[in-house]
C-alpha atoms as a PDB file:
ATOM      1  CA  UNK A   1      44.197 -28.605 -19.351  1.00  0.00           C
ATOM      2  CA  UNK A   2      46.704 -26.626 -19.457  1.00  0.00           C
ATOM      3  CA  UNK A   3      48.323 -24.541 -22.792  1.00  0.00           C
ATOM      4  CA  UNK A   4      51.787 -24.254 -22.775  1.00  0.00           C
ATOM      5  CA  UNK A   5      52.181 -21.986 -25.491  1.00  0.00           C
ATOM      6  CA  UNK A   6      51.410 -18.607 -23.657  1.00  0.00           C
ATOM      7  CA  UNK A   7      55.245 -19.282 -22.218  1.00  0.00           C
ATOM      8  CA  UNK A   8      56.800 -21.841 -24.551  1.00  0.00           C
ATOM      9  CA  UNK A   9      56.007 -22.682 -28.090  1.00  0.00           C
ATOM     10  CA  UNK A  10      57.070 -25.909 -29.959  1.00  0.00           C
ATOM     11  CA  UNK A  11      58.955 -23.170 -32.619  1.00  0.00           C
ATOM     12  CA  UNK A  12      61.204 -22.150 -29.193  1.00  0.00           C
ATOM     13  CA  UNK A  13      61.756 -25.671 -28.645  1.00  0.00           C
ATOM     14  CA  UNK A  14      62.770 -26.536 -32.335  1.00  0.00           C
ATOM     15  CA  UNK A  15      64.939 -23.227 -32.644  1.00  0.00           C
ATOM     16  CA  UNK A  16      66.820 -23.819 -29.403  1.00  0.00           C
ATOM     17  CA  UNK A  17      67.301 -27.483 -30.406  1.00  0.00           C
ATOM     18  CA  UNK A  18      68.857 -26.511 -33.797  1.00  0.00           C
ATOM     19  CA  UNK A  19      70.850 -24.042 -32.259  1.00  0.00           C
ATOM     20  CA  UNK A  20      72.213 -25.773 -29.161  1.00  0.00           C
ATOM     21  CA  UNK A  21      72.711 -28.921 -30.412  1.00  0.00           C
ATOM     22  CA  UNK A  22      69.810 -30.194 -27.715  1.00  0.00           C
ATOM     23  CA  UNK A  23      69.335 -33.886 -29.049  1.00  0.00           C
ATOM     24  CA  UNK A  24      65.498 -33.291 -28.840  1.00  0.00           C
ATOM     25  CA  UNK A  25      63.580 -35.987 -30.687  1.00  0.00           C
ATOM     26  CA  UNK A  26      59.575 -36.512 -31.857  1.00  0.00           C
ATOM     27  CA  UNK A  27      57.468 -39.434 -31.590  1.00  0.00           C
ATOM     28  CA  UNK A  28      54.478 -40.215 -33.594  1.00  0.00           C
ATOM     29  CA  UNK A  29      51.410 -42.218 -31.959  1.00  0.00           C
ATOM     30  CA  UNK A  30      48.848 -43.887 -33.538  1.00  0.00           C
ATOM     31  CA  UNK A  31      45.270 -43.117 -32.005  1.00  0.00           C
ATOM     32  CA  UNK A  32      44.360 -45.593 -29.131  1.00  0.00           C
ATOM     33  CA  UNK A  33      47.930 -46.407 -28.456  1.00  0.00           C
ATOM     34  CA  UNK A  34      49.304 -46.003 -25.471  1.00  0.00           C
ATOM     35  CA  UNK A  35      53.186 -44.389 -24.733  1.00  0.00           C
ATOM     36  CA  UNK A  36      53.448 -44.691 -21.002  1.00  0.00           C
ATOM     37  CA  UNK A  37      51.834 -47.513 -19.063  1.00  0.00           C
ATOM     38  CA  UNK A  38      52.119 -47.676 -15.030  1.00  0.00           C
ATOM     39  CA  UNK A  39      54.938 -49.361 -13.642  1.00  0.00           C
ATOM     40  CA  UNK A  40      57.334 -47.685 -16.495  1.00  0.00           C
ATOM     41  CA  UNK A  41      59.781 -44.905 -15.824  1.00  0.00           C
ATOM     42  CA  UNK A  42      58.400 -41.773 -17.233  1.00  0.00           C
ATOM     43  CA  UNK A  43      61.921 -40.558 -18.954  1.00  0.00           C
ATOM     44  CA  UNK A  44      60.245 -37.703 -20.565  1.00  0.00           C
ATOM     45  CA  UNK A  45      58.575 -34.316 -20.339  1.00  0.00           C
ATOM     46  CA  UNK A  46      56.238 -34.110 -23.458  1.00  0.00           C
ATOM     47  CA  UNK A  47      55.126 -31.251 -25.911  1.00  0.00           C
ATOM     48  CA  UNK A  48      52.210 -32.207 -27.686  1.00  0.00           C
ATOM     49  CA  UNK A  49      52.714 -30.785 -31.495  1.00  0.00           C
ATOM     50  CA  UNK A  50      49.432 -32.226 -32.335  1.00  0.00           C
ATOM     51  CA  UNK A  51      46.603 -34.714 -31.061  1.00  0.00           C
ATOM     52  CA  UNK A  52      45.065 -35.422 -27.806  1.00  0.00           C
ATOM     53  CA  UNK A  53      46.399 -37.436 -25.111  1.00  0.00           C
ATOM     54  CA  UNK A  54      44.241 -38.576 -22.386  1.00  0.00           C
ATOM     55  CA  UNK A  55      45.669 -39.726 -18.801  1.00  0.00           C
ATOM     56  CA  UNK A  56      44.569 -42.097 -16.639  1.00  0.00           C
ATOM     57  CA  UNK A  57      44.881 -44.258 -13.709  1.00  0.00           C
ATOM     58  CA  UNK A  58      43.148 -47.450 -12.088  1.00  0.00           C
ATOM     59  CA  UNK A  59      41.139 -47.169  -8.931  1.00  0.00           C
ATOM     60  CA  UNK A  60      41.092 -49.729  -6.086  1.00  0.00           C
ATOM     61  CA  UNK A  61      38.570 -51.028  -8.241  1.00  0.00           C
ATOM     62  CA  UNK A  62      40.607 -51.181 -11.255  1.00  0.00           C
ATOM     63  CA  UNK A  63      38.251 -48.810 -12.619  1.00  0.00           C
ATOM     64  CA  UNK A  64      40.292 -46.031 -15.308  1.00  0.00           C
ATOM     65  CA  UNK A  65      39.426 -42.684 -14.196  1.00  0.00           C
ATOM     66  CA  UNK A  66      40.831 -39.887 -16.289  1.00  0.00           C
ATOM     67  CA  UNK A  67      42.603 -37.665 -14.625  1.00  0.00           C
ATOM     68  CA  UNK A  68      43.720 -35.380 -17.712  1.00  0.00           C
ATOM     69  CA  UNK A  69      43.064 -34.449 -21.014  1.00  0.00           C
ATOM     70  CA  UNK A  70      46.054 -32.800 -23.064  1.00  0.00           C
ATOM     71  CA  UNK A  71      45.799 -31.372 -26.533  1.00  0.00           C
ATOM     72  CA  UNK A  72      48.116 -29.209 -28.717  1.00  0.00           C
ATOM     73  CA  UNK A  73      50.523 -26.698 -27.616  1.00  0.00           C
ATOM     74  CA  UNK A  74      50.386 -28.298 -24.004  1.00  0.00           C
ATOM     75  CA  UNK A  75      52.772 -30.046 -21.896  1.00  0.00           C
ATOM     76  CA  UNK A  76      52.521 -33.237 -20.025  1.00  0.00           C
ATOM     77  CA  UNK A  77      54.538 -35.809 -17.882  1.00  0.00           C
ATOM     78  CA  UNK A  78      54.350 -38.131 -15.071  1.00  0.00           C
ATOM     79  CA  UNK A  79      55.733 -35.522 -12.382  1.00  0.00           C
ATOM     80  CA  UNK A  80      56.414 -37.988  -9.733  1.00  0.00           C
ATOM     81  CA  UNK A  81      58.267 -40.610 -11.939  1.00  0.00           C
ATOM     82  CA  UNK A  82      59.942 -37.672 -13.950  1.00  0.00           C
ATOM     83  CA  UNK A  83      60.989 -35.332 -11.456  1.00  0.00           C
ATOM     84  CA  UNK A  84      61.324 -37.542  -7.930  1.00  0.00           C
ATOM     85  CA  UNK A  85      61.873 -40.736  -9.879  1.00  0.00           C
ATOM     86  CA  UNK A  86      59.290 -42.762  -8.072  1.00  0.00           C
ATOM     87  CA  UNK A  87      57.171 -45.114  -9.922  1.00  0.00           C
ATOM     88  CA  UNK A  88      54.585 -43.810 -12.378  1.00  0.00           C
ATOM     89  CA  UNK A  89      51.018 -45.174 -11.632  1.00  0.00           C
ATOM     90  CA  UNK A  90      49.579 -43.196 -14.935  1.00  0.00           C
ATOM     91  CA  UNK A  91      48.690 -44.141 -18.242  1.00  0.00           C
ATOM     92  CA  UNK A  92      49.012 -41.918 -21.410  1.00  0.00           C
ATOM     93  CA  UNK A  93      46.791 -42.792 -24.128  1.00  0.00           C
ATOM     94  CA  UNK A  94      46.931 -41.299 -27.785  1.00  0.00           C
ATOM     95  CA  UNK A  95      42.690 -40.431 -28.581  1.00  0.00           C
ATOM     96  CA  UNK A  96      43.821 -39.548 -32.280  1.00  0.00           C
ATOM     97  CA  UNK A  97      47.113 -39.617 -34.307  1.00  0.00           C
ATOM     98  CA  UNK A  98      49.436 -37.627 -31.851  1.00  0.00           C
ATOM     99  CA  UNK A  99      52.798 -36.344 -32.713  1.00  0.00           C
ATOM    100  CA  UNK A 100      55.293 -35.378 -29.576  1.00  0.00           C
ATOM    101  CA  UNK A 101      58.538 -33.634 -28.867  1.00  0.00           C
ATOM    102  CA  UNK A 102      60.347 -35.711 -25.857  1.00  0.00           C
ATOM    103  CA  UNK A 103      62.605 -33.638 -23.400  1.00  0.00           C
ATOM    104  CA  UNK A 104      64.387 -35.684 -21.153  1.00  0.00           C
ATOM    105  CA  UNK A 105      65.558 -34.536 -17.428  1.00  0.00           C
ATOM    106  CA  UNK A 106      69.048 -33.703 -18.589  1.00  0.00           C
ATOM    107  CA  UNK A 107      67.961 -31.716 -21.646  1.00  0.00           C
ATOM    108  CA  UNK A 108      65.227 -29.743 -19.796  1.00  0.00           C
ATOM    109  CA  UNK A 109      68.308 -28.549 -17.473  1.00  0.00           C
ATOM    110  CA  UNK A 110      70.384 -27.583 -20.179  1.00  0.00           C
ATOM    111  CA  UNK A 111      67.706 -25.845 -21.255  1.00  0.00           C
ATOM    112  CA  UNK A 112      67.087 -23.888 -18.092  1.00  0.00           C
ATOM    113  CA  UNK A 113      70.637 -23.620 -17.590  1.00  0.00           C
ATOM    114  CA  UNK A 114      71.469 -21.770 -20.744  1.00  0.00           C
ATOM    115  CA  UNK A 115      68.498 -19.327 -20.726  1.00  0.00           C
ATOM    116  CA  UNK A 116      67.479 -18.161 -17.702  1.00  0.00           C
ATOM    117  CA  UNK A 117      64.360 -16.797 -18.394  1.00  0.00           C
ATOM    118  CA  UNK A 118      63.078 -20.262 -19.178  1.00  0.00           C
ATOM    119  CA  UNK A 119      63.355 -21.241 -15.413  1.00  0.00           C
ATOM    120  CA  UNK A 120      60.552 -18.755 -14.972  1.00  0.00           C
ATOM    121  CA  UNK A 121      58.690 -20.220 -17.605  1.00  0.00           C
ATOM    122  CA  UNK A 122      58.534 -23.518 -16.283  1.00  0.00           C
ATOM    123  CA  UNK A 123      57.752 -22.305 -12.811  1.00  0.00           C
ATOM    124  CA  UNK A 124      54.710 -20.412 -14.322  1.00  0.00           C
ATOM    125  CA  UNK A 125      53.503 -23.542 -16.158  1.00  0.00           C
ATOM    126  CA  UNK A 126      53.818 -25.485 -13.043  1.00  0.00           C
ATOM    127  CA  UNK A 127      52.029 -23.073 -11.056  1.00  0.00           C
ATOM    128  CA  UNK A 128      49.498 -22.743 -13.820  1.00  0.00           C
ATOM    129  CA  UNK A 129      49.222 -26.148 -13.982  1.00  0.00           C
ATOM    130  CA  UNK A 130      48.778 -26.685  -9.758  1.00  0.00           C
ATOM    131  CA  UNK A 131      45.950 -23.913  -9.924  1.00  0.00           C
ATOM    132  CA  UNK A 132      44.168 -25.727 -12.790  1.00  0.00           C
ATOM    133  CA  UNK A 133      44.328 -29.026 -11.098  1.00  0.00           C
ATOM    134  CA  UNK A 134      43.406 -27.316  -7.566  1.00  0.00           C
ATOM    135  CA  UNK A 135      40.231 -25.758  -9.394  1.00  0.00           C
ATOM    136  CA  UNK A 136      39.598 -29.267 -10.445  1.00  0.00           C
ATOM    137  CA  UNK A 137      39.295 -30.769  -7.666  1.00  0.00           C
ATOM    138  CA  UNK A 138      37.582 -27.864  -5.909  1.00  0.00           C
ATOM    139  CA  UNK A 139      34.876 -28.295  -8.376  1.00  0.00           C
ATOM    140  CA  UNK A 140      34.119 -31.443  -7.783  1.00  0.00           C
ATOM    141  CA  UNK A 141      33.097 -30.788  -4.178  1.00  0.00           C
ATOM    142  CA  UNK A 142      31.295 -27.477  -4.840  1.00  0.00           C
ATOM    143  CA  UNK A 143      29.639 -27.328  -8.115  1.00  0.00           C
ATOM    144  CA  UNK A 144      26.594 -30.288  -9.095  1.00  0.00           C
ATOM    145  CA  UNK A 145      27.808 -32.479 -12.313  1.00  0.00           C
ATOM    146  CA  UNK A 146      25.746 -30.477 -14.426  1.00  0.00           C
ATOM    147  CA  UNK A 147      27.656 -27.365 -14.001  1.00  0.00           C
ATOM    148  CA  UNK A 148      31.134 -28.917 -14.262  1.00  0.00           C
ATOM    149  CA  UNK A 149      29.920 -30.898 -17.523  1.00  0.00           C
ATOM    150  CA  UNK A 150      28.654 -27.010 -19.221  1.00  0.00           C
ATOM    151  CA  UNK A 151      32.125 -25.965 -18.095  1.00  0.00           C
ATOM    152  CA  UNK A 152      33.543 -28.418 -19.611  1.00  0.00           C
ATOM    153  CA  UNK A 153      31.715 -27.994 -22.965  1.00  0.00           C
ATOM    154  CA  UNK A 154      32.321 -24.111 -23.001  1.00  0.00           C
ATOM    155  CA  UNK A 155      36.000 -24.497 -21.871  1.00  0.00           C
ATOM    156  CA  UNK A 156      36.904 -27.501 -24.115  1.00  0.00           C
ATOM    157  CA  UNK A 157      34.190 -28.020 -26.605  1.00  0.00           C
ATOM    158  CA  UNK A 158      36.568 -30.499 -29.008  1.00  0.00           C
ATOM    159  CA  UNK A 159      37.011 -32.951 -26.404  1.00  0.00           C
ATOM    160  CA  UNK A 160      33.095 -33.904 -27.095  1.00  0.00           C
ATOM    161  CA  UNK A 161      34.241 -34.829 -30.686  1.00  0.00           C
ATOM    162  CA  UNK A 162      37.345 -36.810 -29.602  1.00  0.00           C
ATOM    163  CA  UNK A 163      36.970 -38.301 -26.236  1.00  0.00           C
ATOM    164  CA  UNK A 164      34.424 -41.172 -25.561  1.00  0.00           C
ATOM    165  CA  UNK A 165      31.968 -40.150 -23.104  1.00  0.00           C
ATOM    166  CA  UNK A 166      32.902 -42.593 -20.692  1.00  0.00           C
ATOM    167  CA  UNK A 167      36.356 -40.678 -20.543  1.00  0.00           C
ATOM    168  CA  UNK A 168      34.665 -37.429 -19.817  1.00  0.00           C
ATOM    169  CA  UNK A 169      32.089 -38.477 -17.222  1.00  0.00           C
ATOM    170  CA  UNK A 170      35.368 -40.224 -15.500  1.00  0.00           C
ATOM    171  CA  UNK A 171      37.237 -36.934 -15.918  1.00  0.00           C
ATOM    172  CA  UNK A 172      33.967 -35.460 -14.450  1.00  0.00           C
ATOM    173  CA  UNK A 173      33.557 -37.695 -11.673  1.00  0.00           C
ATOM    174  CA  UNK A 174      30.504 -39.164 -12.649  1.00  0.00           C
ATOM    175  CA  UNK A 175      29.205 -42.483 -13.928  1.00  0.00           C
ATOM    176  CA  UNK A 176      28.452 -42.582 -18.032  1.00  0.00           C
ATOM    177  CA  UNK A 177      24.373 -43.144 -16.747  1.00  0.00           C
ATOM    178  CA  UNK A 178      24.907 -39.265 -14.969  1.00  0.00           C
ATOM    179  CA  UNK A 179      26.467 -38.041 -18.031  1.00  0.00           C
ATOM    180  CA  UNK A 180      23.741 -39.341 -20.082  1.00  0.00           C
ATOM    181  CA  UNK A 181      21.025 -38.220 -17.930  1.00  0.00           C
ATOM    182  CA  UNK A 182      22.751 -34.613 -17.793  1.00  0.00           C
ATOM    183  CA  UNK A 183      22.844 -34.884 -21.455  1.00  0.00           C
ATOM    184  CA  UNK A 184      19.012 -35.832 -22.194  1.00  0.00           C
ATOM    185  CA  UNK A 185      18.131 -33.066 -19.807  1.00  0.00           C
ATOM    186  CA  UNK A 186      19.846 -30.266 -21.674  1.00  0.00           C
END
């Protein structure tokens, strides 16, 4: 989970939208609703103004695997679909009432071309996302399930109040039964 507000804030986006008539829009998503599904083209880079989003995919057996959680002040997209125009395989689900700012590819290019310093901001965001994702993949191979659980509790305690335990278990790469045993032993 990467917070964008170290680099760019909703206030920045709102100001740029007004000053440069970018046409950025917002979208409200009800709890439990999907706002992007596999097979749909991802048209937006989403800035989460409020709420919590779960990003997941289906494995070869059809099981939902939680890939990522994103909360207030984070930016999300389906990179292969948004950037590369490839088929989207991800689902974006609002785990609570969620408000999003929508940024199209054209709007993003306009922002970057008008604000040269923003290109660096997005490079930093992409780099941080890559590092966090890399750490997560490595942790699945080098840490125990209990260590991953404790780290997630320490770094993102709000997830345990908002997300289902099954979602958290799949994010950690374990079964719900394993998560129950870990919680019981602690």
